[in-house]
């Protein structure tokens, strides 16, 4: 249980840092959108969302749905 709490705390910290940093690639002008996926323990997608801005509360929403949030930055 302590490992789970520690893991959730680390994940929340990573999401917070991601929300405060700009999306950067080889060419920042090529950034297009964030692809958020909520995956269950078998890596099956529960839901997804696409947004041009980072949405920090999606991690908590995904956890409430019994999943783990995966965020991908998409570039052209």
PDB file of N, CA and C in Angstrom:
ATOM      1  N   UNK A   1       0.825  -1.191   0.000  1.00  0.00           N
ATOM      2  CA  UNK A   1       0.000   0.000   0.000  1.00  0.00           C
ATOM      3  C   UNK A   1       0.872   1.260   0.000  1.00  0.00           C
ATOM      4  N   UNK A   2       1.974   1.222   0.774  1.00  0.00           N
ATOM      5  CA  UNK A   2       2.862   2.383   0.809  1.00  0.00           C
ATOM      6  C   UNK A   2       3.492   2.623  -0.558  1.00  0.00           C
ATOM      7  N   UNK A   3       3.802   1.526  -1.286  1.00  0.00           N
ATOM      8  CA  UNK A   3       4.378   1.674  -2.619  1.00  0.00           C
ATOM      9  C   UNK A   3       3.384   2.334  -3.563  1.00  0.00           C
ATOM     10  N   UNK A   4       2.117   1.951  -3.447  1.00  0.00           N
ATOM     11  CA  UNK A   4       1.084   2.532  -4.295  1.00  0.00           C
ATOM     12  C   UNK A   4       0.924   4.022  -4.019  1.00  0.00           C
ATOM     13  N   UNK A   5       0.919   4.394  -2.749  1.00  0.00           N
ATOM     14  CA  UNK A   5       0.799   5.805  -2.382  1.00  0.00           C
ATOM     15  C   UNK A   5       2.002   6.590  -2.898  1.00  0.00           C
ATOM     16  N   UNK A   6       3.201   6.014  -2.740  1.00  0.00           N
ATOM     17  CA  UNK A   6       4.413   6.678  -3.224  1.00  0.00           C
ATOM     18  C   UNK A   6       4.361   6.838  -4.737  1.00  0.00           C
ATOM     19  N   UNK A   7       3.950   5.785  -5.439  1.00  0.00           N
ATOM     20  CA  UNK A   7       3.856   5.849  -6.895  1.00  0.00           C
ATOM     21  C   UNK A   7       2.859   6.904  -7.345  1.00  0.00           C
ATOM     22  N   UNK A   8       1.709   6.982  -6.686  1.00  0.00           N
ATOM     23  CA  UNK A   8       0.701   7.988  -7.030  1.00  0.00           C
ATOM     24  C   UNK A   8       1.215   9.405  -6.775  1.00  0.00           C
ATOM     25  N   UNK A   9       1.970   9.572  -5.695  1.00  0.00           N
ATOM     26  CA  UNK A   9       2.540  10.885  -5.384  1.00  0.00           C
ATOM     27  C   UNK A   9       3.542  11.300  -6.444  1.00  0.00           C
ATOM     28  N   UNK A  10       4.391  10.379  -6.855  1.00  0.00           N
ATOM     29  CA  UNK A  10       5.380  10.677  -7.901  1.00  0.00           C
ATOM     30  C   UNK A  10       4.668  11.014  -9.212  1.00  0.00           C
ATOM     31  N   UNK A  11       3.647  10.231  -9.554  1.00  0.00           N
ATOM     32  CA  UNK A  11       2.904  10.485 -10.792  1.00  0.00           C
ATOM     33  C   UNK A  11       2.241  11.863 -10.760  1.00  0.00           C
ATOM     34  N   UNK A  12       1.659  12.219  -9.628  1.00  0.00           N
ATOM     35  CA  UNK A  12       1.020  13.533  -9.510  1.00  0.00           C
ATOM     36  C   UNK A  12       2.041  14.652  -9.662  1.00  0.00           C
ATOM     37  N   UNK A  13       3.229  14.454  -9.094  1.00  0.00           N
ATOM     38  CA  UNK A  13       4.292  15.450  -9.239  1.00  0.00           C
ATOM     39  C   UNK A  13       4.729  15.601 -10.681  1.00  0.00           C
ATOM     40  N   UNK A  14       4.825  14.478 -11.394  1.00  0.00           N
ATOM     41  CA  UNK A  14       5.216  14.534 -12.801  1.00  0.00           C
ATOM     42  C   UNK A  14       4.171  15.262 -13.631  1.00  0.00           C
ATOM     43  N   UNK A  15       2.882  15.021 -13.336  1.00  0.00           N
ATOM     44  CA  UNK A  15       1.834  15.722 -14.069  1.00  0.00           C
ATOM     45  C   UNK A  15       1.891  17.219 -13.796  1.00  0.00           C
ATOM     46  N   UNK A  16       2.176  17.581 -12.557  1.00  0.00           N
ATOM     47  CA  UNK A  16       2.270  18.993 -12.208  1.00  0.00           C
ATOM     48  C   UNK A  16       3.415  19.654 -12.967  1.00  0.00           C
ATOM     49  N   UNK A  17       4.570  18.995 -13.012  1.00  0.00           N
ATOM     50  CA  UNK A  17       5.702  19.551 -13.751  1.00  0.00           C
ATOM     51  C   UNK A  17       5.387  19.658 -15.233  1.00  0.00           C
ATOM     52  N   UNK A  18       4.713  18.669 -15.781  1.00  0.00           N
ATOM     53  CA  UNK A  18       4.357  18.702 -17.197  1.00  0.00           C
ATOM     54  C   UNK A  18       3.421  19.863 -17.500  1.00  0.00           C
ATOM     55  N   UNK A  19       2.571  20.191 -16.556  1.00  0.00           N
ATOM     56  CA  UNK A  19       1.606  21.271 -16.776  1.00  0.00           C
ATOM     57  C   UNK A  19       2.273  22.634 -16.770  1.00  0.00           C
ATOM     58  N   UNK A  20       3.419  22.743 -16.112  1.00  0.00           N
ATOM     59  CA  UNK A  20       4.060  24.050 -16.004  1.00  0.00           C
ATOM     60  C   UNK A  20       5.186  24.242 -17.008  1.00  0.00           C
ATOM     61  N   UNK A  21       5.511  23.216 -17.785  1.00  0.00           N
ATOM     62  CA  UNK A  21       6.571  23.347 -18.784  1.00  0.00           C
ATOM     63  C   UNK A  21       5.960  23.357 -20.164  1.00  0.00           C
ATOM     64  N   UNK A  22       6.628  24.026 -21.081  1.00  0.00           N
ATOM     65  CA  UNK A  22       6.153  24.067 -22.453  1.00  0.00           C
ATOM     66  C   UNK A  22       6.465  22.751 -23.152  1.00  0.00           C
ATOM     67  N   UNK A  23       5.638  22.416 -24.120  1.00  0.00           N
ATOM     68  CA  UNK A  23       5.913  21.250 -24.954  1.00  0.00           C
ATOM     69  C   UNK A  23       7.040  21.632 -25.908  1.00  0.00           C
ATOM     70  N   UNK A  24       8.107  20.852 -25.902  1.00  0.00           N
ATOM     71  CA  UNK A  24       9.245  21.164 -26.758  1.00  0.00           C
ATOM     72  C   UNK A  24       9.641  19.930 -27.556  1.00  0.00           C
ATOM     73  N   UNK A  25       9.927  20.132 -28.802  1.00  0.00           N
ATOM     74  CA  UNK A  25      10.452  19.070 -29.644  1.00  0.00           C
ATOM     75  C   UNK A  25      11.676  19.606 -30.336  1.00  0.00           C
ATOM     76  N   UNK A  26      12.030  18.998 -31.422  1.00  0.00           N
ATOM     77  CA  UNK A  26      13.162  19.498 -32.198  1.00  0.00           C
ATOM     78  C   UNK A  26      12.867  20.912 -32.665  1.00  0.00           C
ATOM     79  N   UNK A  27      11.651  21.128 -33.081  1.00  0.00           N
ATOM     80  CA  UNK A  27      11.203  22.457 -33.497  1.00  0.00           C
ATOM     81  C   UNK A  27       9.898  22.759 -32.763  1.00  0.00           C
ATOM     82  N   UNK A  28       9.933  23.594 -31.717  1.00  0.00           N
ATOM     83  CA  UNK A  28       8.718  23.864 -30.933  1.00  0.00           C
ATOM     84  C   UNK A  28       7.540  24.349 -31.772  1.00  0.00           C
ATOM     85  N   UNK A  29       7.797  24.952 -32.919  1.00  0.00           N
ATOM     86  CA  UNK A  29       6.717  25.412 -33.781  1.00  0.00           C
ATOM     87  C   UNK A  29       5.917  24.279 -34.394  1.00  0.00           C
ATOM     88  N   UNK A  30       6.450  23.055 -34.313  1.00  0.00           N
ATOM     89  CA  UNK A  30       5.765  21.900 -34.894  1.00  0.00           C
ATOM     90  C   UNK A  30       4.825  21.202 -33.919  1.00  0.00           C
ATOM     91  N   UNK A  31       4.782  21.640 -32.657  1.00  0.00           N
ATOM     92  CA  UNK A  31       3.878  21.016 -31.683  1.00  0.00           C
ATOM     93  C   UNK A  31       2.434  21.266 -32.082  1.00  0.00           C
ATOM     94  N   UNK A  32       1.599  20.207 -32.028  1.00  0.00           N
ATOM     95  CA  UNK A  32       0.203  20.346 -32.418  1.00  0.00           C
ATOM     96  C   UNK A  32      -0.767  20.127 -31.274  1.00  0.00           C
ATOM     97  N   UNK A  33      -0.667  19.010 -30.544  1.00  0.00           N
ATOM     98  CA  UNK A  33      -1.649  18.755 -29.490  1.00  0.00           C
ATOM     99  C   UNK A  33      -1.166  17.675 -28.534  1.00  0.00           C
ATOM    100  N   UNK A  34      -1.861  17.604 -27.395  1.00  0.00           N
ATOM    101  CA  UNK A  34      -1.658  16.529 -26.422  1.00  0.00           C
ATOM    102  C   UNK A  34      -2.713  15.454 -26.685  1.00  0.00           C
ATOM    103  N   UNK A  35      -2.291  14.206 -26.621  1.00  0.00           N
ATOM    104  CA  UNK A  35      -3.215  13.082 -26.739  1.00  0.00           C
ATOM    105  C   UNK A  35      -3.235  12.387 -25.381  1.00  0.00           C
ATOM    106  N   UNK A  36      -4.341  12.504 -24.677  1.00  0.00           N
ATOM    107  CA  UNK A  36      -4.501  11.896 -23.350  1.00  0.00           C
ATOM    108  C   UNK A  36      -5.229  10.566 -23.519  1.00  0.00           C
ATOM    109  N   UNK A  37      -4.681   9.504 -22.927  1.00  0.00           N
ATOM    110  CA  UNK A  37      -5.338   8.199 -22.951  1.00  0.00           C
ATOM    111  C   UNK A  37      -5.451   7.683 -21.530  1.00  0.00           C
ATOM    112  N   UNK A  38      -6.620   7.206 -21.162  1.00  0.00           N
ATOM    113  CA  UNK A  38      -6.812   6.546 -19.878  1.00  0.00           C
ATOM    114  C   UNK A  38      -6.813   5.050 -20.157  1.00  0.00           C
ATOM    115  N   UNK A  39      -5.823   4.329 -19.602  1.00  0.00           N
ATOM    116  CA  UNK A  39      -5.645   2.903 -19.866  1.00  0.00           C
ATOM    117  C   UNK A  39      -5.894   2.106 -18.596  1.00  0.00           C
ATOM    118  N   UNK A  40      -6.540   0.949 -18.748  1.00  0.00           N
ATOM    119  CA  UNK A  40      -6.733   0.084 -17.582  1.00  0.00           C
ATOM    120  C   UNK A  40      -5.480  -0.765 -17.366  1.00  0.00           C
ATOM    121  N   UNK A  41      -5.525  -1.700 -16.418  1.00  0.00           N
ATOM    122  CA  UNK A  41      -4.338  -2.486 -16.073  1.00  0.00           C
ATOM    123  C   UNK A  41      -3.898  -3.422 -17.190  1.00  0.00           C
ATOM    124  N   UNK A  42      -4.766  -3.678 -18.160  1.00  0.00           N
ATOM    125  CA  UNK A  42      -4.417  -4.509 -19.316  1.00  0.00           C
ATOM    126  C   UNK A  42      -4.044  -3.673 -20.531  1.00  0.00           C
ATOM    127  N   UNK A  43      -3.807  -2.382 -20.325  1.00  0.00           N
ATOM    128  CA  UNK A  43      -3.458  -1.434 -21.382  1.00  0.00           C
ATOM    129  C   UNK A  43      -4.589  -1.247 -22.401  1.00  0.00           C
ATOM    130  N   UNK A  44      -5.818  -1.477 -21.968  1.00  0.00           N
ATOM    131  CA  UNK A  44      -6.987  -1.248 -22.818  1.00  0.00           C
ATOM    132  C   UNK A  44      -7.461   0.181 -22.581  1.00  0.00           C
ATOM    133  N   UNK A  45      -7.692   0.896 -23.662  1.00  0.00           N
ATOM    134  CA  UNK A  45      -8.095   2.300 -23.563  1.00  0.00           C
ATOM    135  C   UNK A  45      -9.516   2.412 -23.032  1.00  0.00           C
ATOM    136  N   UNK A  46      -9.660   3.148 -21.928  1.00  0.00           N
ATOM    137  CA  UNK A  46     -10.985   3.409 -21.366  1.00  0.00           C
ATOM    138  C   UNK A  46     -11.611   4.628 -22.049  1.00  0.00           C
ATOM    139  N   UNK A  47     -10.798   5.658 -22.264  1.00  0.00           N
ATOM    140  CA  UNK A  47     -11.235   6.858 -22.959  1.00  0.00           C
ATOM    141  C   UNK A  47     -10.011   7.650 -23.405  1.00  0.00           C
ATOM    142  N   UNK A  48     -10.226   8.638 -24.275  1.00  0.00           N
ATOM    143  CA  UNK A  48      -9.144   9.517 -24.703  1.00  0.00           C
ATOM    144  C   UNK A  48      -9.669  10.927 -24.879  1.00  0.00           C
ATOM    145  N   UNK A  49      -8.742  11.870 -24.919  1.00  0.00           N
ATOM    146  CA  UNK A  49      -9.077  13.281 -25.144  1.00  0.00           C
ATOM    147  C   UNK A  49      -7.908  13.903 -25.882  1.00  0.00           C
ATOM    148  N   UNK A  50      -8.199  14.826 -26.778  1.00  0.00           N
ATOM    149  CA  UNK A  50      -7.184  15.559 -27.517  1.00  0.00           C
ATOM    150  C   UNK A  50      -7.363  17.035 -27.199  1.00  0.00           C
ATOM    151  N   UNK A  51      -6.247  17.708 -26.881  1.00  0.00           N
ATOM    152  CA  UNK A  51      -6.319  19.123 -26.508  1.00  0.00           C
ATOM    153  C   UNK A  51      -5.019  19.826 -26.891  1.00  0.00           C
ATOM    154  N   UNK A  52      -5.117  21.098 -27.237  1.00  0.00           N
ATOM    155  CA  UNK A  52      -3.915  21.880 -27.529  1.00  0.00           C
ATOM    156  C   UNK A  52      -3.244  22.377 -26.252  1.00  0.00           C
ATOM    157  N   UNK A  53      -3.931  22.270 -25.118  1.00  0.00           N
ATOM    158  CA  UNK A  53      -3.349  22.659 -23.835  1.00  0.00           C
ATOM    159  C   UNK A  53      -3.340  21.465 -22.897  1.00  0.00           C
ATOM    160  N   UNK A  54      -2.401  21.463 -21.962  1.00  0.00           N
ATOM    161  CA  UNK A  54      -2.311  20.380 -20.980  1.00  0.00           C
ATOM    162  C   UNK A  54      -3.440  20.542 -19.963  1.00  0.00           C
ATOM    163  N   UNK A  55      -4.101  19.449 -19.624  1.00  0.00           N
ATOM    164  CA  UNK A  55      -5.208  19.480 -18.671  1.00  0.00           C
ATOM    165  C   UNK A  55      -4.788  18.668 -17.446  1.00  0.00           C
ATOM    166  N   UNK A  56      -4.330  19.340 -16.376  1.00  0.00           N
ATOM    167  CA  UNK A  56      -3.742  18.625 -15.240  1.00  0.00           C
ATOM    168  C   UNK A  56      -4.705  17.741 -14.452  1.00  0.00           C
ATOM    169  N   UNK A  57      -5.992  18.021 -14.450  1.00  0.00           N
ATOM    170  CA  UNK A  57      -6.918  17.227 -13.639  1.00  0.00           C
ATOM    171  C   UNK A  57      -7.342  15.917 -14.298  1.00  0.00           C
ATOM    172  N   UNK A  58      -6.918  15.645 -15.529  1.00  0.00           N
ATOM    173  CA  UNK A  58      -7.294  14.398 -16.184  1.00  0.00           C
ATOM    174  C   UNK A  58      -6.667  13.182 -15.501  1.00  0.00           C
ATOM    175  N   UNK A  59      -5.523  13.354 -14.855  1.00  0.00           N
ATOM    176  CA  UNK A  59      -4.905  12.249 -14.126  1.00  0.00           C
ATOM    177  C   UNK A  59      -5.814  11.739 -13.022  1.00  0.00           C
ATOM    178  N   UNK A  60      -6.383  12.652 -12.254  1.00  0.00           N
ATOM    179  CA  UNK A  60      -7.292  12.275 -11.167  1.00  0.00           C
ATOM    180  C   UNK A  60      -8.585  11.662 -11.715  1.00  0.00           C
ATOM    181  N   UNK A  61      -9.080  12.214 -12.815  1.00  0.00           N
ATOM    182  CA  UNK A  61     -10.302  11.671 -13.417  1.00  0.00           C
ATOM    183  C   UNK A  61     -10.069  10.241 -13.889  1.00  0.00           C
ATOM    184  N   UNK A  62      -8.918  10.009 -14.516  1.00  0.00           N
ATOM    185  CA  UNK A  62      -8.582   8.674 -15.002  1.00  0.00           C
ATOM    186  C   UNK A  62      -8.439   7.689 -13.840  1.00  0.00           C
ATOM    187  N   UNK A  63      -7.773   8.120 -12.766  1.00  0.00           N
ATOM    188  CA  UNK A  63      -7.631   7.255 -11.590  1.00  0.00           C
ATOM    189  C   UNK A  63      -9.000   6.903 -11.005  1.00  0.00           C
ATOM    190  N   UNK A  64      -9.916   7.858 -10.986  1.00  0.00           N
ATOM    191  CA  UNK A  64     -11.274   7.593 -10.488  1.00  0.00           C
ATOM    192  C   UNK A  64     -12.000   6.579 -11.365  1.00  0.00           C
ATOM    193  N   UNK A  65     -11.644   6.538 -12.642  1.00  0.00           N
ATOM    194  CA  UNK A  65     -12.237   5.573 -13.564  1.00  0.00           C
ATOM    195  C   UNK A  65     -11.523   4.220 -13.510  1.00  0.00           C
ATOM    196  N   UNK A  66     -10.504   4.113 -12.654  1.00  0.00           N
ATOM    197  CA  UNK A  66      -9.782   2.854 -12.499  1.00  0.00           C
ATOM    198  C   UNK A  66      -8.658   2.662 -13.491  1.00  0.00           C
ATOM    199  N   UNK A  67      -8.132   3.755 -14.030  1.00  0.00           N
ATOM    200  CA  UNK A  67      -7.090   3.651 -15.046  1.00  0.00           C
ATOM    201  C   UNK A  67      -5.835   4.416 -14.693  1.00  0.00           C
ATOM    202  N   UNK A  68      -4.943   4.469 -15.671  1.00  0.00           N
ATOM    203  CA  UNK A  68      -3.677   5.192 -15.568  1.00  0.00           C
ATOM    204  C   UNK A  68      -3.586   6.094 -16.791  1.00  0.00           C
ATOM    205  N   UNK A  69      -3.238   7.355 -16.581  1.00  0.00           N
ATOM    206  CA  UNK A  69      -3.207   8.318 -17.673  1.00  0.00           C
ATOM    207  C   UNK A  69      -1.884   8.246 -18.423  1.00  0.00           C
ATOM    208  N   UNK A  70      -1.982   8.197 -19.737  1.00  0.00           N
ATOM    209  CA  UNK A  70      -0.814   8.253 -20.612  1.00  0.00           C
ATOM    210  C   UNK A  70      -0.975   9.504 -21.465  1.00  0.00           C
ATOM    211  N   UNK A  71       0.063  10.361 -21.469  1.00  0.00           N
ATOM    212  CA  UNK A  71       0.008  11.609 -22.232  1.00  0.00           C
ATOM    213  C   UNK A  71       1.078  11.578 -23.298  1.00  0.00           C
ATOM    214  N   UNK A  72       0.679  11.860 -24.545  1.00  0.00           N
ATOM    215  CA  UNK A  72       1.610  11.902 -25.675  1.00  0.00           C
ATOM    216  C   UNK A  72       1.543  13.291 -26.284  1.00  0.00           C
ATOM    217  N   UNK A  73       2.706  13.893 -26.505  1.00  0.00           N
ATOM    218  CA  UNK A  73       2.775  15.172 -27.207  1.00  0.00           C
ATOM    219  C   UNK A  73       2.946  14.870 -28.692  1.00  0.00           C
ATOM    220  N   UNK A  74       2.052  15.396 -29.511  1.00  0.00           N
ATOM    221  CA  UNK A  74       2.051  15.099 -30.952  1.00  0.00           C
ATOM    222  C   UNK A  74       2.594  16.305 -31.697  1.00  0.00           C
ATOM    223  N   UNK A  75       3.545  16.015 -32.594  1.00  0.00           N
ATOM    224  CA  UNK A  75       4.178  17.035 -33.426  1.00  0.00           C
ATOM    225  C   UNK A  75       3.901  16.720 -34.886  1.00  0.00           C
ATOM    226  N   UNK A  76       3.934  17.746 -35.738  1.00  0.00           N
ATOM    227  CA  UNK A  76       3.863  17.521 -37.184  1.00  0.00           C
ATOM    228  C   UNK A  76       5.235  17.273 -37.702  1.00  0.00           C
TER     229      UNK A  76
END
